[in-house]
Amino acid sequence: MELHVSSRSHGDHAIVIATGEIDLYTAPRLQSELAEVIANAAPASRIVVDMSGVEFCDSTGMNVLLSCLRQVRERGGELELAAPRPAVMKILQVTALDSVFTIIPSPATLPGQ
């Protein structure tokens, strides 16, 4: 399965929308899109990754998300995960990453949505 990634900005935050599977082969696409969003975001920006369309995410994908979280926090911002599906949420819980990332129920909870 493929991974489709897009992004859009809304004032003080950006939303990155991922759809499909994040694995060894597709993670570079997510990394590339997130790197571009981070590079173009103002310091202390809020970046939300809409995970509602992600059916699977392996350790490679989690490492990409962690790396980007580190980069955003170094700039004084925050990277949040929105609406992860149960399979992805289980991986976050098993790896205790659910306590590292801020997880929001839906990107619709953001201002301007």
C-alpha atoms as a PDB file:
ATOM      1  CA  MET A   1       0.000   0.000   0.000  1.00  0.00           C
ATOM      2  CA  GLU A   2       1.137   3.514  -0.673  1.00  0.00           C
ATOM      3  CA  LEU A   3       1.432   6.546   1.529  1.00  0.00           C
ATOM      4  CA  HIS A   4      -0.007   9.895   0.531  1.00  0.00           C
ATOM      5  CA  VAL A   5       1.154  12.962   2.423  1.00  0.00           C
ATOM      6  CA  SER A   6      -0.043  16.543   2.091  1.00  0.00           C
ATOM      7  CA  SER A   7       0.106  19.616   4.265  1.00  0.00           C
ATOM      8  CA  ARG A   8      -1.564  22.949   4.786  1.00  0.00           C
ATOM      9  CA  SER A   9      -0.997  25.917   7.060  1.00  0.00           C
ATOM     10  CA  HIS A  10      -3.538  27.609   9.280  1.00  0.00           C
ATOM     11  CA  GLY A  11      -2.127  30.667  11.010  1.00  0.00           C
ATOM     12  CA  ASP A  12       0.027  29.513  13.920  1.00  0.00           C
ATOM     13  CA  HIS A  13      -0.161  25.822  13.064  1.00  0.00           C
ATOM     14  CA  ALA A  14       0.338  23.424  10.185  1.00  0.00           C
ATOM     15  CA  ILE A  15      -1.479  20.194   9.475  1.00  0.00           C
ATOM     16  CA  VAL A  16       0.247  17.268   7.793  1.00  0.00           C
ATOM     17  CA  ILE A  17      -2.219  14.685   6.499  1.00  0.00           C
ATOM     18  CA  ALA A  18      -0.964  11.133   6.059  1.00  0.00           C
ATOM     19  CA  THR A  19      -3.040   8.414   4.397  1.00  0.00           C
ATOM     20  CA  GLY A  20      -2.002   4.798   3.882  1.00  0.00           C
ATOM     21  CA  GLU A  21       0.790   2.818   5.502  1.00  0.00           C
ATOM     22  CA  ILE A  22       3.995   4.156   7.033  1.00  0.00           C
ATOM     23  CA  ASP A  23       6.784   1.597   6.807  1.00  0.00           C
ATOM     24  CA  LEU A  24      10.405   1.216   5.765  1.00  0.00           C
ATOM     25  CA  TYR A  25       9.554   2.026   2.149  1.00  0.00           C
ATOM     26  CA  THR A  26       7.110   4.916   2.656  1.00  0.00           C
ATOM     27  CA  ALA A  27       8.604   6.595   5.749  1.00  0.00           C
ATOM     28  CA  PRO A  28      11.028   8.722   3.657  1.00  0.00           C
ATOM     29  CA  ARG A  29       8.014  10.396   2.007  1.00  0.00           C
ATOM     30  CA  LEU A  30       6.635  11.352   5.430  1.00  0.00           C
ATOM     31  CA  GLN A  31      10.099  12.477   6.560  1.00  0.00           C
ATOM     32  CA  SER A  32      10.464  14.690   3.492  1.00  0.00           C
ATOM     33  CA  GLU A  33       7.059  16.363   3.895  1.00  0.00           C
ATOM     34  CA  LEU A  34       7.518  16.922   7.633  1.00  0.00           C
ATOM     35  CA  ALA A  35      11.033  18.308   7.114  1.00  0.00           C
ATOM     36  CA  GLU A  36       9.675  20.833   4.626  1.00  0.00           C
ATOM     37  CA  VAL A  37       6.835  21.854   6.946  1.00  0.00           C
ATOM     38  CA  ILE A  38       9.247  22.240   9.882  1.00  0.00           C
ATOM     39  CA  ALA A  39      11.696  24.264   7.787  1.00  0.00           C
ATOM     40  CA  ASN A  40       8.946  26.640   6.636  1.00  0.00           C
ATOM     41  CA  ALA A  41       7.198  26.960  10.001  1.00  0.00           C
ATOM     42  CA  ALA A  42       7.786  29.873  12.302  1.00  0.00           C
ATOM     43  CA  PRO A  43       9.587  29.087  15.563  1.00  0.00           C
ATOM     44  CA  ALA A  44       7.223  27.855  18.294  1.00  0.00           C
ATOM     45  CA  SER A  45       4.743  26.568  15.712  1.00  0.00           C
ATOM     46  CA  ARG A  46       2.269  23.816  16.344  1.00  0.00           C
ATOM     47  CA  ILE A  47       2.422  20.998  13.800  1.00  0.00           C
ATOM     48  CA  VAL A  48      -0.359  18.425  13.771  1.00  0.00           C
ATOM     49  CA  VAL A  49       0.005  15.115  11.954  1.00  0.00           C
ATOM     50  CA  ASP A  50      -3.462  13.875  11.005  1.00  0.00           C
ATOM     51  CA  MET A  51      -3.123  10.109  11.453  1.00  0.00           C
ATOM     52  CA  SER A  52      -6.803   9.279  10.867  1.00  0.00           C
ATOM     53  CA  GLY A  53      -6.008   7.825   7.439  1.00  0.00           C
ATOM     54  CA  VAL A  54      -2.970   5.808   8.535  1.00  0.00           C
ATOM     55  CA  GLU A  55      -3.764   2.105   8.662  1.00  0.00           C
ATOM     56  CA  PHE A  56      -0.310   0.910   9.740  1.00  0.00           C
ATOM     57  CA  CYS A  57       2.864   2.462  11.128  1.00  0.00           C
ATOM     58  CA  ASP A  58       5.985   0.430  11.864  1.00  0.00           C
ATOM     59  CA  SER A  59       9.067   1.352  13.898  1.00  0.00           C
ATOM     60  CA  THR A  60      10.573   3.226  10.943  1.00  0.00           C
ATOM     61  CA  GLY A  61       7.526   5.488  10.862  1.00  0.00           C
ATOM     62  CA  MET A  62       7.627   5.976  14.625  1.00  0.00           C
ATOM     63  CA  ASN A  63      11.311   6.957  14.372  1.00  0.00           C
ATOM     64  CA  VAL A  64      10.458   9.556  11.708  1.00  0.00           C
ATOM     65  CA  LEU A  65       7.761  11.016  13.964  1.00  0.00           C
ATOM     66  CA  LEU A  66      10.118  11.035  16.966  1.00  0.00           C
ATOM     67  CA  SER A  67      12.891  12.717  14.995  1.00  0.00           C
ATOM     68  CA  CYS A  68      10.496  15.406  13.777  1.00  0.00           C
ATOM     69  CA  LEU A  69       9.119  15.872  17.292  1.00  0.00           C
ATOM     70  CA  ARG A  70      12.668  16.543  18.502  1.00  0.00           C
ATOM     71  CA  GLN A  71      13.281  19.060  15.708  1.00  0.00           C
ATOM     72  CA  VAL A  72      10.031  20.923  16.375  1.00  0.00           C
ATOM     73  CA  ARG A  73      10.651  21.049  20.135  1.00  0.00           C
ATOM     74  CA  GLU A  74      14.179  22.386  19.546  1.00  0.00           C
ATOM     75  CA  ARG A  75      12.475  25.298  17.786  1.00  0.00           C
ATOM     76  CA  GLY A  76      10.128  25.815  20.734  1.00  0.00           C
ATOM     77  CA  GLY A  77       7.144  24.264  18.988  1.00  0.00           C
ATOM     78  CA  GLU A  78       5.059  21.159  19.376  1.00  0.00           C
ATOM     79  CA  LEU A  79       4.234  18.225  17.114  1.00  0.00           C
ATOM     80  CA  GLU A  80       0.935  16.510  17.856  1.00  0.00           C
ATOM     81  CA  LEU A  81      -0.693  13.390  16.494  1.00  0.00           C
ATOM     82  CA  ALA A  82      -4.390  13.622  15.642  1.00  0.00           C
ATOM     83  CA  ALA A  83      -6.895  10.780  15.553  1.00  0.00           C
ATOM     84  CA  PRO A  84      -4.637   7.724  15.288  1.00  0.00           C
ATOM     85  CA  ARG A  85      -6.565   4.590  14.365  1.00  0.00           C
ATOM     86  CA  PRO A  86      -6.709   1.743  16.930  1.00  0.00           C
ATOM     87  CA  ALA A  87      -3.849  -0.227  15.307  1.00  0.00           C
ATOM     88  CA  VAL A  88      -1.545   2.811  15.370  1.00  0.00           C
ATOM     89  CA  MET A  89      -2.689   3.787  18.873  1.00  0.00           C
ATOM     90  CA  LYS A  90      -1.807   0.282  20.093  1.00  0.00           C
ATOM     91  CA  ILE A  91       1.759   0.689  18.766  1.00  0.00           C
ATOM     92  CA  LEU A  92       1.998   4.062  20.508  1.00  0.00           C
ATOM     93  CA  GLN A  93       0.800   2.506  23.775  1.00  0.00           C
ATOM     94  CA  VAL A  94       2.996  -0.613  23.591  1.00  0.00           C
ATOM     95  CA  THR A  95       6.084   1.527  22.956  1.00  0.00           C
ATOM     96  CA  ALA A  96       4.988   4.112  25.579  1.00  0.00           C
ATOM     97  CA  LEU A  97       5.148   6.790  22.881  1.00  0.00           C
ATOM     98  CA  ASP A  98       1.600   7.776  23.805  1.00  0.00           C
ATOM     99  CA  SER A  99       3.215   9.532  26.776  1.00  0.00           C
ATOM    100  CA  VAL A 100       5.822  11.245  24.569  1.00  0.00           C
ATOM    101  CA  PHE A 101       3.486  12.638  21.923  1.00  0.00           C
ATOM    102  CA  THR A 102       0.495  14.855  22.528  1.00  0.00           C
ATOM    103  CA  ILE A 103      -2.413  12.960  21.007  1.00  0.00           C
ATOM    104  CA  ILE A 104      -5.556  14.863  20.120  1.00  0.00           C
ATOM    105  CA  PRO A 105      -8.842  13.223  19.179  1.00  0.00           C
ATOM    106  CA  SER A 106      -9.271  15.022  15.868  1.00  0.00           C
ATOM    107  CA  PRO A 107      -7.657  17.728  13.747  1.00  0.00           C
ATOM    108  CA  ALA A 108     -11.121  19.346  13.809  1.00  0.00           C
ATOM    109  CA  THR A 109     -10.407  20.383  17.417  1.00  0.00           C
ATOM    110  CA  LEU A 110      -7.903  22.928  16.125  1.00  0.00           C
ATOM    111  CA  PRO A 111      -8.874  26.566  15.779  1.00  0.00           C
ATOM    112  CA  GLY A 112      -9.946  27.414  12.250  1.00  0.00           C
ATOM    113  CA  GLN A 113     -11.111  23.893  11.403  1.00  0.00           C
END
